[in-house]
Protein backbone atom coordinates (compact mmCIF):
# COMPACT_ATOMS: atom_id res chain seq x y z
CA MET A 1 117.72 108.38 124.23
CA PRO A 2 117.20 105.41 121.64
CA SER A 3 113.79 104.35 120.95
CA ALA A 4 112.51 100.84 122.16
CA LEU A 5 112.43 99.92 118.40
CA ALA A 6 115.99 101.19 117.74
CA LEU A 7 117.00 98.93 120.74
CA ARG A 8 115.47 95.93 119.45
CA GLN A 9 117.01 96.52 116.07
CA VAL A 10 120.36 96.83 117.65
CA GLU A 11 119.84 93.33 119.35
CA ASP A 12 118.57 91.83 116.18
CA ARG A 13 121.99 92.98 114.53
CA VAL A 14 124.02 91.69 117.49
CA ALA A 15 122.38 88.22 117.75
CA PRO A 16 120.21 87.74 114.30
CA ALA A 17 117.97 84.98 114.06
CA GLY A 18 118.27 82.26 111.54
CA PRO A 19 115.45 81.74 109.05
CA ALA A 20 112.55 79.83 110.62
CA ALA A 21 111.33 76.82 109.41
CA PRO A 22 108.53 77.27 107.12
CA ASN A 23 105.23 77.38 109.45
CA ARG A 24 102.90 76.61 106.49
CA PRO A 25 103.63 73.24 105.32
CA ASP A 26 101.17 73.15 102.27
CA TRP A 27 103.56 76.05 100.92
CA ILE A 28 106.12 73.55 99.77
CA ASP A 29 108.12 74.62 96.54
CA ALA A 30 106.38 72.52 94.22
CA ALA A 31 102.90 73.43 95.40
CA VAL A 32 103.87 77.24 95.35
CA LEU A 33 105.05 76.95 91.65
CA ALA A 34 102.14 74.63 90.56
CA GLY A 35 99.52 77.13 92.34
CA THR A 36 101.20 79.95 90.78
CA THR A 37 101.51 78.49 87.25
CA ALA A 38 98.02 77.58 87.32
CA ILE A 39 96.82 81.05 88.09
CA ALA A 40 99.03 82.53 85.45
CA ASP A 41 98.45 80.28 82.63
CA GLY A 42 94.66 80.33 83.55
CA PRO A 43 92.98 83.41 84.85
CA LEU A 44 95.76 85.92 84.77
CA SER A 45 96.48 85.49 81.39
CA ALA A 46 93.07 86.05 80.40
CA ALA A 47 93.06 89.40 82.41
CA ALA A 48 96.29 90.49 81.37
CA GLY A 49 94.85 92.99 78.60
CA ALA A 50 92.48 94.55 81.03
CA ILE A 51 94.97 94.76 83.76
CA ASP A 52 97.12 96.67 81.33
CA ARG A 53 94.39 99.04 80.66
CA GLY A 54 93.33 99.55 84.12
CA ALA A 55 91.72 96.72 85.92
CA TYR A 56 93.56 96.37 89.36
CA PRO A 57 93.80 92.44 89.88
CA LEU A 58 93.19 92.32 93.77
CA ASP A 59 91.33 89.17 93.33
CA LEU A 60 94.05 87.32 91.68
CA LEU A 61 96.68 88.72 94.03
CA GLY A 62 94.60 87.06 96.78
CA ARG A 63 94.65 83.80 94.93
CA LEU A 64 98.50 84.20 94.56
CA GLY A 65 98.74 84.92 98.29
CA GLU A 66 96.73 81.74 98.97
CA THR A 67 99.25 79.65 97.13
CA GLY A 68 102.19 81.12 99.19
CA ALA A 69 103.49 83.05 96.44
CA LEU A 70 103.73 86.38 98.37
CA ALA A 71 105.39 85.09 101.52
CA VAL A 72 108.09 82.24 100.85
CA HIS A 73 110.78 84.79 100.73
CA LEU A 74 109.89 85.71 104.73
CA ASP A 75 111.97 84.22 107.28
CA ARG A 76 108.97 82.70 108.85
CA HIS A 77 108.35 80.78 105.72
CA GLY A 78 111.76 79.85 105.22
CA ALA A 79 113.39 82.79 103.38
CA ARG A 80 113.31 81.01 99.99
CA PHE A 81 114.15 84.16 97.96
CA GLY A 82 114.93 82.11 94.90
CA LEU A 83 111.13 80.67 95.04
CA ALA A 84 109.84 83.90 95.31
CA VAL A 85 111.73 85.01 92.26
CA ALA A 86 110.43 82.16 90.32
CA ALA A 87 106.91 82.74 91.29
CA MET A 88 106.96 86.15 90.39
CA GLN A 89 108.64 85.15 86.92
CA ALA A 90 105.79 82.45 86.52
CA ALA A 91 103.09 85.48 86.99
CA SER A 92 105.04 88.08 84.82
CA ARG A 93 105.20 85.60 82.06
CA ALA A 94 101.60 86.23 81.54
CA CYS A 95 101.42 89.72 83.06
CA GLY A 96 103.96 92.01 84.04
CA ALA A 97 101.84 94.45 85.99
CA THR A 98 100.73 91.59 88.09
CA GLY A 99 104.44 90.54 88.74
CA PHE A 100 104.99 94.29 89.60
CA LEU A 101 102.31 94.30 92.16
CA MET A 102 103.76 90.91 93.64
CA TRP A 103 107.14 92.61 94.05
CA CYS A 104 105.51 95.82 95.71
CA HIS A 105 103.69 93.19 98.06
CA ALA A 106 106.87 91.05 98.66
CA VAL A 107 109.09 94.07 99.86
CA CYS A 108 106.41 95.57 101.72
CA GLY A 109 106.08 92.29 103.88
CA LEU A 110 110.02 92.36 104.06
CA TYR A 111 109.61 95.86 105.89
CA LEU A 112 107.26 94.48 108.32
CA GLU A 113 109.12 91.37 109.33
CA GLN A 114 112.42 92.79 109.36
CA SER A 115 111.23 95.79 111.28
CA GLY A 116 111.52 93.64 114.56
CA ASN A 117 108.27 95.82 115.68
CA PRO A 118 105.77 93.72 117.55
CA ALA A 119 102.81 95.81 116.07
CA LEU A 120 103.92 95.14 112.66
CA THR A 121 105.13 91.37 112.78
CA GLY A 122 101.93 89.58 114.30
CA ALA A 123 98.61 89.01 112.71
CA ARG A 124 99.33 92.11 110.61
CA LEU A 125 102.08 90.43 108.73
CA ASP A 126 100.23 87.03 108.56
CA ASP A 127 97.28 88.85 106.79
CA HIS A 128 99.83 90.33 104.16
CA ALA A 129 101.70 87.33 103.74
CA ALA A 130 98.61 85.22 102.82
CA GLY A 131 97.16 87.85 100.61
CA ARG A 132 94.28 88.64 102.85
CA ARG A 133 95.47 92.34 102.97
CA PHE A 134 97.42 94.50 100.87
CA GLY A 135 100.46 97.08 100.62
CA GLY A 136 102.98 98.38 98.49
CA THR A 137 106.04 100.40 98.88
CA ALA A 138 106.66 104.13 98.44
CA LEU A 139 110.55 104.12 98.31
CA SER A 140 111.50 105.04 94.76
CA ASN A 141 111.99 108.71 96.08
CA PRO A 142 113.99 107.60 98.93
CA MET A 143 116.16 105.30 96.97
CA LYS A 144 117.01 108.02 94.67
CA ALA A 145 117.74 110.47 97.39
CA PHE A 146 119.89 108.20 99.15
CA ALA A 147 121.79 107.58 95.80
CA GLY A 148 122.01 111.37 95.48
CA ILE A 149 119.81 111.70 92.52
CA GLU A 150 117.17 113.63 93.89
CA PRO A 151 115.99 115.15 97.27
CA ILE A 152 113.63 113.40 99.84
CA LEU A 153 110.13 114.64 99.62
CA LEU A 154 108.64 113.57 102.66
CA ARG A 155 109.85 115.35 106.03
CA ALA A 156 109.23 114.48 109.34
CA ARG A 157 109.73 116.63 112.94
CA ARG A 158 110.03 115.13 116.22
CA VAL A 159 107.00 115.47 118.71
CA THR A 160 105.94 113.92 121.72
CA GLY A 161 105.62 110.07 121.17
CA GLY A 162 106.85 110.10 117.65
CA TYR A 163 106.98 112.34 114.41
CA ARG A 164 104.92 114.64 112.53
CA VAL A 165 105.37 113.95 108.65
CA SER A 166 104.37 116.15 105.82
CA GLY A 167 104.98 116.11 102.00
CA MET A 168 104.03 114.79 98.60
CA LEU A 169 105.10 111.68 96.44
CA PRO A 170 104.27 111.80 92.78
CA TRP A 171 103.29 108.05 92.34
CA VAL A 172 103.21 105.03 94.68
CA SER A 173 101.96 101.61 93.54
CA HIS A 174 99.76 98.94 94.76
CA ILE A 175 97.75 101.41 97.26
CA GLY A 176 94.25 102.42 97.79
CA PRO A 177 91.73 102.82 100.34
CA GLY A 178 92.18 100.05 103.29
CA GLN A 179 95.65 99.57 102.26
CA TYR A 180 99.26 100.81 103.20
CA CYS A 181 102.80 101.09 102.31
CA GLY A 182 106.40 101.37 103.59
CA ALA A 183 107.44 105.05 103.43
CA ILE A 184 110.69 107.18 104.52
CA ALA A 185 110.91 110.83 105.53
CA GLY A 186 113.93 112.89 106.55
CA VAL A 187 113.68 114.12 110.05
CA VAL A 188 114.36 117.92 110.08
CA GLY A 189 116.47 119.37 112.58
CA PRO A 190 118.01 122.80 113.47
CA GLY A 191 118.49 125.11 110.39
CA ASP A 192 116.00 122.82 108.53
CA THR A 193 118.91 120.15 107.86
CA ILE A 194 118.15 116.63 107.74
CA GLY A 195 119.77 114.63 110.31
CA HIS A 196 118.34 111.08 109.67
CA GLU A 197 115.71 109.31 108.25
CA ILE A 198 112.61 107.22 109.56
CA MET A 199 110.95 104.55 107.75
CA PHE A 200 107.32 103.67 108.81
CA LEU A 201 104.12 102.06 107.66
CA LEU A 202 101.82 104.51 106.28
CA ALA A 203 97.81 103.72 106.27
CA CYS A 204 96.46 104.98 103.12
CA ASP A 205 93.27 105.95 104.72
CA ARG A 206 95.27 108.69 106.84
CA ALA A 207 96.57 110.27 103.54
CA GLU A 208 95.47 112.06 100.36
CA LEU A 209 95.48 110.20 97.51
CA ARG A 210 95.39 111.75 94.08
CA PRO A 211 94.82 110.19 90.49
CA CYS A 212 98.12 110.04 88.22
CA PRO A 213 98.41 110.96 84.89
CA HIS A 214 97.79 107.76 82.52
CA PHE A 215 100.67 105.82 81.68
CA SER A 216 101.19 103.90 78.29
CA GLY A 217 100.77 100.74 80.25
CA MET A 218 100.91 98.98 83.42
CA GLU A 219 97.55 101.02 84.45
CA GLY A 220 96.31 98.11 86.75
CA THR A 221 98.91 98.83 89.38
CA SER A 222 96.84 100.89 91.40
CA THR A 223 99.13 103.87 91.37
CA TRP A 224 98.45 107.08 93.15
CA GLY A 225 100.07 110.52 94.12
CA LEU A 226 100.12 110.56 97.92
CA ARG A 227 99.81 113.63 100.16
CA LEU A 228 100.69 113.81 103.75
CA ASP A 229 99.95 116.65 105.88
CA ASN A 230 101.07 116.71 109.50
CA LEU A 231 100.71 113.09 109.80
CA PHE A 232 101.30 111.67 113.31
CA VAL A 233 103.74 108.25 113.01
CA GLY A 234 104.02 106.71 116.34
CA GLU A 235 106.07 103.89 118.00
CA ASP A 236 103.56 101.34 116.52
CA ASP A 237 104.01 102.55 112.74
CA LEU A 238 107.85 102.63 113.00
CA ILE A 239 109.71 100.14 110.74
CA ALA A 240 112.89 101.66 111.36
CA ASP A 241 114.58 104.59 113.01
CA PRO A 242 117.15 105.54 111.68
CA ALA A 243 116.32 104.14 108.33
CA ARG A 244 119.49 104.11 106.44
CA PRO A 245 120.98 101.15 108.18
CA PHE A 246 117.93 99.20 107.93
CA ILE A 247 117.85 99.85 104.19
CA GLY A 248 121.73 99.08 103.84
CA ARG A 249 120.53 95.77 105.35
CA ILE A 250 117.82 94.88 102.85
CA ARG A 251 118.78 96.70 99.85
CA GLY A 252 120.10 93.77 98.12
CA ALA A 253 117.19 91.78 98.77
CA PHE A 254 114.85 94.48 97.58
CA ILE A 255 116.72 94.64 94.25
CA LEU A 256 117.08 91.03 93.86
CA LEU A 257 113.21 90.31 93.96
CA GLN A 258 112.44 92.44 91.10
CA CYS A 259 114.47 90.25 88.91
CA GLY A 260 111.19 88.17 88.80
CA MET A 261 109.61 90.76 86.78
CA GLY A 262 112.03 90.84 83.73
CA LEU A 263 112.76 87.56 83.66
CA GLY A 264 108.91 86.55 83.33
CA VAL A 265 108.44 89.27 80.63
CA ALA A 266 111.40 87.98 78.45
CA GLU A 267 110.22 84.57 78.95
CA GLY A 268 106.68 85.63 77.85
CA SER A 269 108.39 87.20 74.86
CA LEU A 270 110.34 84.00 74.03
CA ALA A 271 106.82 82.12 73.86
CA ASP A 272 105.56 84.80 71.41
CA MET A 273 108.44 84.02 69.32
CA GLY A 274 107.63 80.45 69.53
CA ALA A 275 104.08 80.92 68.70
CA VAL A 276 104.86 82.30 65.03
CA GLU A 277 108.00 80.02 64.36
CA GLU A 278 106.09 77.38 62.39
CA THR A 279 104.48 79.97 60.06
CA LEU A 280 107.38 82.70 59.71
CA GLY A 281 110.57 81.03 60.85
CA HIS A 282 111.67 80.92 57.17
CA VAL A 283 112.06 84.52 56.96
CA ASN A 284 112.38 85.35 60.80
CA GLN A 285 115.57 83.39 60.57
CA PHE A 286 117.18 86.52 59.21
CA LEU A 287 116.45 88.75 62.55
CA ASP A 288 118.70 89.14 65.51
CA ASP A 289 117.84 87.65 68.85
CA ARG A 290 116.35 84.83 67.72
CA PRO A 291 114.69 82.33 70.07
CA ASP A 292 117.52 79.94 70.89
CA THR A 293 119.67 82.89 71.89
CA ILE A 294 117.17 84.73 74.11
CA ALA A 295 116.48 81.01 75.68
CA ALA A 296 120.15 80.53 76.41
CA GLU A 297 120.71 83.95 77.58
CA LEU A 298 117.54 83.66 79.79
CA ALA A 299 118.29 80.48 81.38
CA GLU A 300 122.02 81.68 82.02
CA LEU A 301 120.72 84.72 83.87
CA ARG A 302 118.09 83.22 85.76
CA ALA A 303 120.74 80.70 86.97
CA ARG A 304 122.87 83.73 88.16
CA VAL A 305 119.95 85.41 89.87
CA MET A 306 119.13 81.97 91.84
CA GLN A 307 122.37 81.76 93.01
CA LEU A 308 122.42 85.28 94.39
CA ALA A 309 119.02 84.66 95.93
CA GLU A 310 120.76 82.19 98.00
CA THR A 311 122.26 84.92 100.07
CA PRO A 312 119.84 87.96 99.92
CA TYR A 313 121.27 89.43 102.94
CA GLU A 314 124.80 89.66 102.25
CA SER A 315 126.23 92.86 102.60
CA SER A 316 129.63 93.21 100.87
CA ASN A 317 130.12 95.74 97.90
CA ASP A 318 130.99 92.81 95.53
CA TYR A 319 127.77 91.07 96.32
CA LEU A 320 125.84 94.47 95.88
CA ILE A 321 127.34 95.17 92.42
CA ASP A 322 126.63 91.78 91.15
CA VAL A 323 123.20 92.01 92.25
CA LEU A 324 122.96 95.43 90.79
CA ASP A 325 124.67 93.91 87.25
CA ALA A 326 122.07 90.73 87.59
CA ARG A 327 119.17 93.42 87.67
CA ALA A 328 120.54 95.43 84.91
CA GLN A 329 120.96 92.63 82.65
CA VAL A 330 117.60 91.44 83.50
CA SER A 331 116.32 94.76 82.27
CA GLU A 332 118.34 94.62 79.17
CA LEU A 333 117.25 90.99 78.44
CA ALA A 334 113.61 92.24 78.75
CA LEU A 335 113.86 95.05 76.43
CA ARG A 336 115.67 92.94 73.72
CA ALA A 337 113.32 89.97 74.20
CA SER A 338 110.40 91.91 73.81
CA GLN A 339 111.43 93.92 70.72
CA SER A 340 112.50 90.67 69.10
CA ALA A 341 109.05 89.36 69.72
CA LEU A 342 107.16 91.80 68.00
CA LEU A 343 109.67 91.92 65.15
CA HIS A 344 109.05 88.02 64.91
CA GLN A 345 105.29 88.62 65.03
CA GLY A 346 105.04 91.42 62.65
CA ALA A 347 101.81 93.17 62.14
CA ARG A 348 99.72 90.78 64.25
CA GLY A 349 102.01 91.66 67.26
CA TYR A 350 101.61 95.46 66.59
CA LEU A 351 97.66 95.06 67.13
CA MET A 352 96.86 97.16 70.39
CA SER A 353 95.47 93.48 71.98
CA ALA A 354 98.71 91.76 71.00
CA ALA A 355 100.76 90.23 73.74
CA PRO A 356 104.19 91.31 72.18
CA GLN A 357 102.92 95.36 72.07
CA ARG A 358 102.06 94.80 75.69
CA ARG A 359 105.19 93.24 76.38
CA ILE A 360 107.30 96.05 74.67
CA ARG A 361 105.75 98.47 77.39
CA GLU A 362 106.12 96.17 80.23
CA ALA A 363 109.74 95.79 79.36
CA HIS A 364 110.07 99.32 79.29
CA PHE A 365 108.80 99.52 82.96
CA VAL A 366 111.36 97.10 84.17
CA ALA A 367 113.96 99.32 82.87
CA ILE A 368 112.67 102.80 84.26
CA VAL A 369 111.07 101.37 87.58
CA THR A 370 113.32 102.15 90.69
CA PRO A 371 116.04 101.26 90.46
CA ALA A 372 116.07 102.43 86.87
CA LEU A 373 118.60 101.40 84.21
CA LYS A 374 120.60 104.40 84.60
CA HIS A 375 120.05 104.37 88.84
CA LEU A 376 121.53 100.67 88.53
CA ARG A 377 124.70 101.88 86.69
CA TRP A 378 125.15 105.00 88.62
CA GLU A 379 125.15 102.79 91.56
CA MET A 380 127.72 100.13 90.25
CA ALA A 381 130.09 103.00 89.12
CA ARG A 382 129.96 104.43 92.62
CA LEU A 383 130.51 101.23 94.49
CA SER A 384 133.08 100.27 91.85
CA ARG A 385 135.18 103.30 92.68
CA GLU A 386 134.86 102.34 96.43
CA THR A 387 136.25 98.80 96.07
CA LEU A 388 139.17 100.12 93.92
CA PRO A 389 142.62 99.65 95.32
CA ALA A 390 144.42 102.67 95.97
CA ALA A 391 146.75 104.15 93.31
CA THR A 392 150.20 103.32 93.14
CA ASP A 393 153.05 104.82 91.29
CA GLY A 394 153.22 102.44 88.88
CA GLY A 395 155.42 99.92 90.54
CA ARG A 396 158.49 101.80 90.89
CA ALA A 397 160.54 101.57 93.86
């Protein structure tokens, strides 16, 4: 018998509600961008180096939440995905790690709101949206599992009143004591086969958190290994049961929001090039990927992302391929721009404390975080095969 959550989700798909008018009139577009930019250009820019080395900027994320930057993509605040991407770009221009944390937080809010579960969509979501409570996403492994890249690592078994979940995830970001994340587990049936998956909100205080090895950068993202041992997941914790239709519905929005990170890293790299143009332009003119080239590509790509952001829940294969391609191009532009910025600045950009050196590592993260560049190309190839017309005999009658 379908769960109450499943029935609510069916009702939502049959009679979807349109985006609500923003219920925070102070979170108008101009105010959100102005507030985010002020934080990015001031305290966030000053803290970027420390965040790269391990400082977790929850205080600054709380301030970003006050501006609306963590909430404007939600239906209850107007479903302004373009504005959410722009705010993330503004923050990532100063600090790519913080832009990534904004994405983790934003998609967790998306899970809560789109769940249709009253236990997750009331005061809990309001606190999350305003940056009073914090949560991330544990979907790296499930997204790769759904694509056939690796097996799903969390396993669930049906019990009275819910499920019992066990397993370990090697790294989950924007979590910690008192925080939470969206997670997915495969439901084990007869013969230890997985019949379907569930998605649920995991309170970190109910899991074992294990320190991760040191990464080359982005250390301030509060990334942990996560272990569950027979954890009970009840109706109030469920985001989606089954999970795959839910992921299919939000996948485009999930990927599209990430574009703000790469656009911001590329924009910050462009500023690094401009900072030395007056003194080194005479010799930098012989480099590839000059500022005017990067600026033009950045503007064109940003416009493309903003157009896609107008319909974040479109489900056609053609739309999803466009989203995947835009996300891949964002990765590639961030890689090129950050490398060019380092070459433009020369030895001063190679100092460990230099912004170009940090942005090189941020750009590499943009290209490897799920969905990684290779994963994006994998998915585009798969979807393209699905949309190709059937083979013909070459037109012979």
